[in-house]
């Protein structure tokens, strides 16, 4: 039984976004993706990504965003996240 009677059916106009496991995922915009990558960045090998792949991803995202946003994000990351207070990240 469907409860969303008036909701139109979704039609795919582009290829679906997949996560590292191959499941469907939400596609973030360039600003949100750079923010997520910057505040969770650790430039060492991880389960899903190598350090070089992570660095390449960050460089690509920086190139896709406005310089003013990148500068503000750099200040925010340095002063408000665990980059400024490494002892808070257990």
N, C-alpha and C. Protein backbone atom coordinates (compact mmCIF):
# COMPACT_ATOMS: atom_id res chain seq x y z
N UNK A 1 0.84 -1.17 0.00
CA UNK A 1 0.00 0.00 0.00
C UNK A 1 0.89 1.24 0.00
N UNK A 2 0.58 2.18 -0.86
CA UNK A 2 1.36 3.42 -0.94
C UNK A 2 0.61 4.53 -0.25
N UNK A 3 1.32 5.30 0.54
CA UNK A 3 0.71 6.41 1.26
C UNK A 3 0.98 7.76 0.60
N UNK A 4 1.97 7.84 -0.24
CA UNK A 4 2.29 9.10 -0.90
C UNK A 4 1.55 9.16 -2.24
N UNK A 5 0.25 9.38 -2.18
CA UNK A 5 -0.58 9.34 -3.37
C UNK A 5 -0.24 10.45 -4.36
N UNK A 6 0.10 11.63 -3.86
CA UNK A 6 0.29 12.78 -4.73
C UNK A 6 1.75 13.04 -5.07
N UNK A 7 2.60 12.23 -4.57
CA UNK A 7 4.03 12.40 -4.85
C UNK A 7 4.34 11.80 -6.22
N UNK A 8 4.91 12.60 -7.11
CA UNK A 8 5.23 12.05 -8.42
C UNK A 8 6.37 11.03 -8.31
N UNK A 9 6.37 10.11 -9.23
CA UNK A 9 7.42 9.11 -9.24
C UNK A 9 8.73 9.78 -9.66
N UNK A 10 9.79 9.37 -9.02
CA UNK A 10 11.10 9.93 -9.35
C UNK A 10 11.57 9.36 -10.68
N UNK A 11 12.12 10.23 -11.49
CA UNK A 11 12.69 9.79 -12.75
C UNK A 11 14.16 10.16 -12.75
N UNK A 12 14.97 9.25 -13.13
CA UNK A 12 16.41 9.47 -13.14
C UNK A 12 16.81 10.14 -14.45
N UNK A 13 17.41 11.33 -14.34
CA UNK A 13 17.89 12.02 -15.53
C UNK A 13 19.40 11.90 -15.65
N UNK A 14 20.04 11.44 -14.60
CA UNK A 14 21.49 11.26 -14.63
C UNK A 14 21.82 9.98 -13.89
N UNK A 15 23.05 9.57 -14.00
CA UNK A 15 23.48 8.33 -13.33
C UNK A 15 23.38 8.50 -11.82
N UNK A 16 22.96 7.46 -11.12
CA UNK A 16 22.84 7.57 -9.66
C UNK A 16 24.21 7.71 -9.00
N UNK A 17 24.23 8.36 -7.84
CA UNK A 17 25.46 8.51 -7.08
C UNK A 17 25.62 7.30 -6.19
N UNK A 18 26.81 6.73 -6.18
CA UNK A 18 27.09 5.55 -5.37
C UNK A 18 28.17 5.88 -4.35
N UNK A 19 28.09 5.24 -3.18
CA UNK A 19 29.13 5.42 -2.17
C UNK A 19 30.24 4.39 -2.38
N UNK A 20 31.19 4.32 -1.46
CA UNK A 20 32.32 3.41 -1.61
C UNK A 20 31.90 1.94 -1.60
N UNK A 21 30.78 1.65 -0.99
CA UNK A 21 30.28 0.27 -0.93
C UNK A 21 29.44 -0.10 -2.15
N UNK A 22 29.12 0.90 -2.98
CA UNK A 22 28.32 0.65 -4.16
C UNK A 22 26.83 0.85 -3.96
N UNK A 23 26.44 1.36 -2.80
CA UNK A 23 25.03 1.63 -2.51
C UNK A 23 24.67 3.04 -2.96
N UNK A 24 23.37 3.28 -3.17
CA UNK A 24 22.91 4.61 -3.55
C UNK A 24 23.22 5.61 -2.44
N UNK A 25 23.59 6.82 -2.83
CA UNK A 25 23.96 7.85 -1.86
C UNK A 25 23.52 9.21 -2.38
N UNK A 26 23.52 10.20 -1.49
CA UNK A 26 23.21 11.58 -1.86
C UNK A 26 24.45 12.23 -2.43
N UNK A 27 24.28 13.05 -3.45
CA UNK A 27 25.38 13.80 -4.04
C UNK A 27 25.44 15.17 -3.39
N UNK A 28 26.56 15.49 -2.77
CA UNK A 28 26.75 16.79 -2.15
C UNK A 28 27.19 17.80 -3.20
N UNK A 29 26.90 19.06 -2.95
CA UNK A 29 27.38 20.12 -3.82
C UNK A 29 28.87 20.35 -3.56
N UNK A 30 29.53 21.13 -4.40
CA UNK A 30 30.97 21.35 -4.25
C UNK A 30 31.36 21.96 -2.90
N UNK A 31 30.57 22.93 -2.41
CA UNK A 31 30.90 23.56 -1.13
C UNK A 31 30.74 22.57 0.02
N UNK A 32 29.64 21.84 0.03
CA UNK A 32 29.40 20.88 1.11
C UNK A 32 30.42 19.75 1.07
N UNK A 33 30.80 19.33 -0.12
CA UNK A 33 31.78 18.26 -0.24
C UNK A 33 33.16 18.72 0.25
N UNK A 34 33.54 19.97 -0.09
CA UNK A 34 34.82 20.49 0.39
C UNK A 34 34.80 20.65 1.90
N UNK A 35 33.70 21.15 2.45
CA UNK A 35 33.58 21.29 3.90
C UNK A 35 33.75 19.94 4.59
N UNK A 36 33.02 18.94 4.11
CA UNK A 36 33.09 17.61 4.71
C UNK A 36 34.50 17.03 4.61
N UNK A 37 35.14 17.24 3.48
CA UNK A 37 36.50 16.72 3.30
C UNK A 37 37.50 17.46 4.18
N UNK A 38 37.30 18.77 4.36
CA UNK A 38 38.25 19.56 5.14
C UNK A 38 38.15 19.28 6.63
N UNK A 39 36.95 19.20 7.16
CA UNK A 39 36.82 19.03 8.61
C UNK A 39 37.04 17.59 9.05
N UNK A 40 37.04 16.66 8.12
CA UNK A 40 37.31 15.26 8.48
C UNK A 40 38.63 14.78 7.91
N UNK A 41 39.43 15.70 7.42
CA UNK A 41 40.66 15.31 6.72
C UNK A 41 41.72 14.79 7.68
N UNK A 42 42.25 13.66 7.32
CA UNK A 42 43.48 13.18 7.92
C UNK A 42 44.27 12.61 6.75
N UNK A 43 45.42 13.17 6.51
CA UNK A 43 46.18 12.80 5.33
C UNK A 43 47.03 11.57 5.59
N UNK A 44 46.35 10.50 5.94
CA UNK A 44 46.99 9.20 6.10
C UNK A 44 46.07 8.16 5.48
N UNK A 45 46.62 7.01 5.18
CA UNK A 45 45.82 5.96 4.56
C UNK A 45 44.67 5.56 5.47
N UNK A 46 43.52 5.37 4.86
CA UNK A 46 42.33 4.95 5.61
C UNK A 46 41.73 3.71 4.98
N UNK A 47 40.55 3.34 5.45
CA UNK A 47 39.88 2.14 4.96
C UNK A 47 39.40 2.33 3.52
N UNK A 48 38.84 3.48 3.21
CA UNK A 48 38.26 3.71 1.90
C UNK A 48 39.18 4.44 0.93
N UNK A 49 40.17 5.16 1.44
CA UNK A 49 40.97 6.03 0.59
C UNK A 49 42.41 6.07 1.06
N UNK A 50 43.33 6.14 0.10
CA UNK A 50 44.74 6.32 0.45
C UNK A 50 44.99 7.80 0.70
N UNK A 51 46.12 8.11 1.31
CA UNK A 51 46.46 9.50 1.59
C UNK A 51 46.60 10.30 0.30
N UNK A 52 47.20 9.71 -0.73
CA UNK A 52 47.36 10.42 -2.00
C UNK A 52 46.02 10.68 -2.68
N UNK A 53 45.11 9.72 -2.60
CA UNK A 53 43.78 9.92 -3.19
C UNK A 53 43.02 11.01 -2.45
N UNK A 54 43.16 11.05 -1.13
CA UNK A 54 42.50 12.09 -0.32
C UNK A 54 43.04 13.47 -0.66
N UNK A 55 44.37 13.58 -0.80
CA UNK A 55 44.99 14.86 -1.15
C UNK A 55 44.55 15.31 -2.55
N UNK A 56 44.50 14.38 -3.48
CA UNK A 56 44.04 14.71 -4.83
C UNK A 56 42.59 15.18 -4.81
N UNK A 57 41.75 14.52 -4.01
CA UNK A 57 40.35 14.93 -3.88
C UNK A 57 40.25 16.34 -3.31
N UNK A 58 41.02 16.65 -2.28
CA UNK A 58 41.00 17.99 -1.69
C UNK A 58 41.45 19.04 -2.71
N UNK A 59 42.50 18.74 -3.47
CA UNK A 59 42.98 19.69 -4.48
C UNK A 59 41.92 19.94 -5.55
N UNK A 60 41.23 18.90 -5.96
CA UNK A 60 40.17 19.04 -6.97
C UNK A 60 39.02 19.87 -6.43
N UNK A 61 38.63 19.62 -5.18
CA UNK A 61 37.52 20.37 -4.59
C UNK A 61 37.88 21.83 -4.38
N UNK A 62 39.12 22.12 -4.01
CA UNK A 62 39.55 23.51 -3.85
C UNK A 62 39.46 24.23 -5.20
N UNK A 63 39.85 23.57 -6.27
CA UNK A 63 39.80 24.18 -7.60
C UNK A 63 38.36 24.43 -8.05
N UNK A 64 37.40 23.65 -7.56
CA UNK A 64 36.00 23.79 -7.97
C UNK A 64 35.26 24.89 -7.22
N UNK A 65 35.81 25.40 -6.14
CA UNK A 65 35.11 26.38 -5.31
C UNK A 65 35.73 27.76 -5.45
N UNK A 66 34.96 28.75 -5.00
CA UNK A 66 35.42 30.14 -5.06
C UNK A 66 36.57 30.35 -4.08
N UNK A 67 37.57 31.16 -4.45
CA UNK A 67 38.70 31.40 -3.55
C UNK A 67 38.30 31.98 -2.20
N UNK A 68 37.29 32.85 -2.17
CA UNK A 68 36.86 33.44 -0.90
C UNK A 68 36.29 32.37 0.04
N UNK A 69 35.51 31.44 -0.51
CA UNK A 69 34.96 30.36 0.31
C UNK A 69 36.07 29.46 0.83
N UNK A 70 37.03 29.15 -0.01
CA UNK A 70 38.15 28.29 0.40
C UNK A 70 38.95 28.96 1.51
N UNK A 71 39.18 30.27 1.39
CA UNK A 71 39.92 31.00 2.43
C UNK A 71 39.16 31.01 3.75
N UNK A 72 37.86 31.26 3.69
CA UNK A 72 37.05 31.26 4.92
C UNK A 72 37.02 29.87 5.55
N UNK A 73 36.94 28.84 4.72
CA UNK A 73 36.94 27.47 5.23
C UNK A 73 38.28 27.12 5.86
N UNK A 74 39.37 27.61 5.29
CA UNK A 74 40.69 27.36 5.87
C UNK A 74 40.80 27.98 7.26
N UNK A 75 40.31 29.21 7.40
CA UNK A 75 40.34 29.87 8.72
C UNK A 75 39.44 29.12 9.69
N UNK A 76 38.25 28.75 9.26
CA UNK A 76 37.32 28.00 10.12
C UNK A 76 37.93 26.67 10.56
N UNK A 77 38.50 25.95 9.62
CA UNK A 77 39.09 24.65 9.93
C UNK A 77 40.23 24.79 10.92
N UNK A 78 41.03 25.82 10.76
CA UNK A 78 42.19 26.00 11.63
C UNK A 78 41.79 26.47 13.02
N UNK A 79 40.73 27.25 13.14
CA UNK A 79 40.39 27.85 14.44
C UNK A 79 39.25 27.16 15.17
N UNK A 80 38.38 26.44 14.47
CA UNK A 80 37.17 25.91 15.11
C UNK A 80 37.07 24.39 15.16
N UNK A 81 37.95 23.68 14.51
CA UNK A 81 37.84 22.22 14.48
C UNK A 81 39.00 21.61 15.24
N UNK A 82 39.13 20.33 15.13
CA UNK A 82 40.19 19.61 15.85
C UNK A 82 41.59 19.92 15.32
N UNK A 83 41.68 20.64 14.21
CA UNK A 83 43.00 21.09 13.76
C UNK A 83 43.57 22.10 14.76
N UNK A 84 42.68 22.86 15.39
CA UNK A 84 43.12 23.83 16.39
C UNK A 84 43.25 23.18 17.76
N UNK A 85 42.42 22.18 18.03
CA UNK A 85 42.41 21.52 19.34
C UNK A 85 42.54 20.01 19.17
N UNK A 86 43.72 19.51 18.86
CA UNK A 86 43.86 18.08 18.56
C UNK A 86 43.52 17.18 19.74
N UNK A 87 43.59 17.68 20.95
CA UNK A 87 43.28 16.85 22.11
C UNK A 87 41.79 16.56 22.24
N UNK A 88 40.95 17.28 21.49
CA UNK A 88 39.50 17.04 21.59
C UNK A 88 39.04 15.89 20.70
N UNK A 89 39.90 15.38 19.86
CA UNK A 89 39.51 14.33 18.91
C UNK A 89 40.00 12.97 19.38
N UNK A 90 39.24 12.34 20.17
CA UNK A 90 39.64 11.01 20.66
C UNK A 90 39.13 9.96 19.77
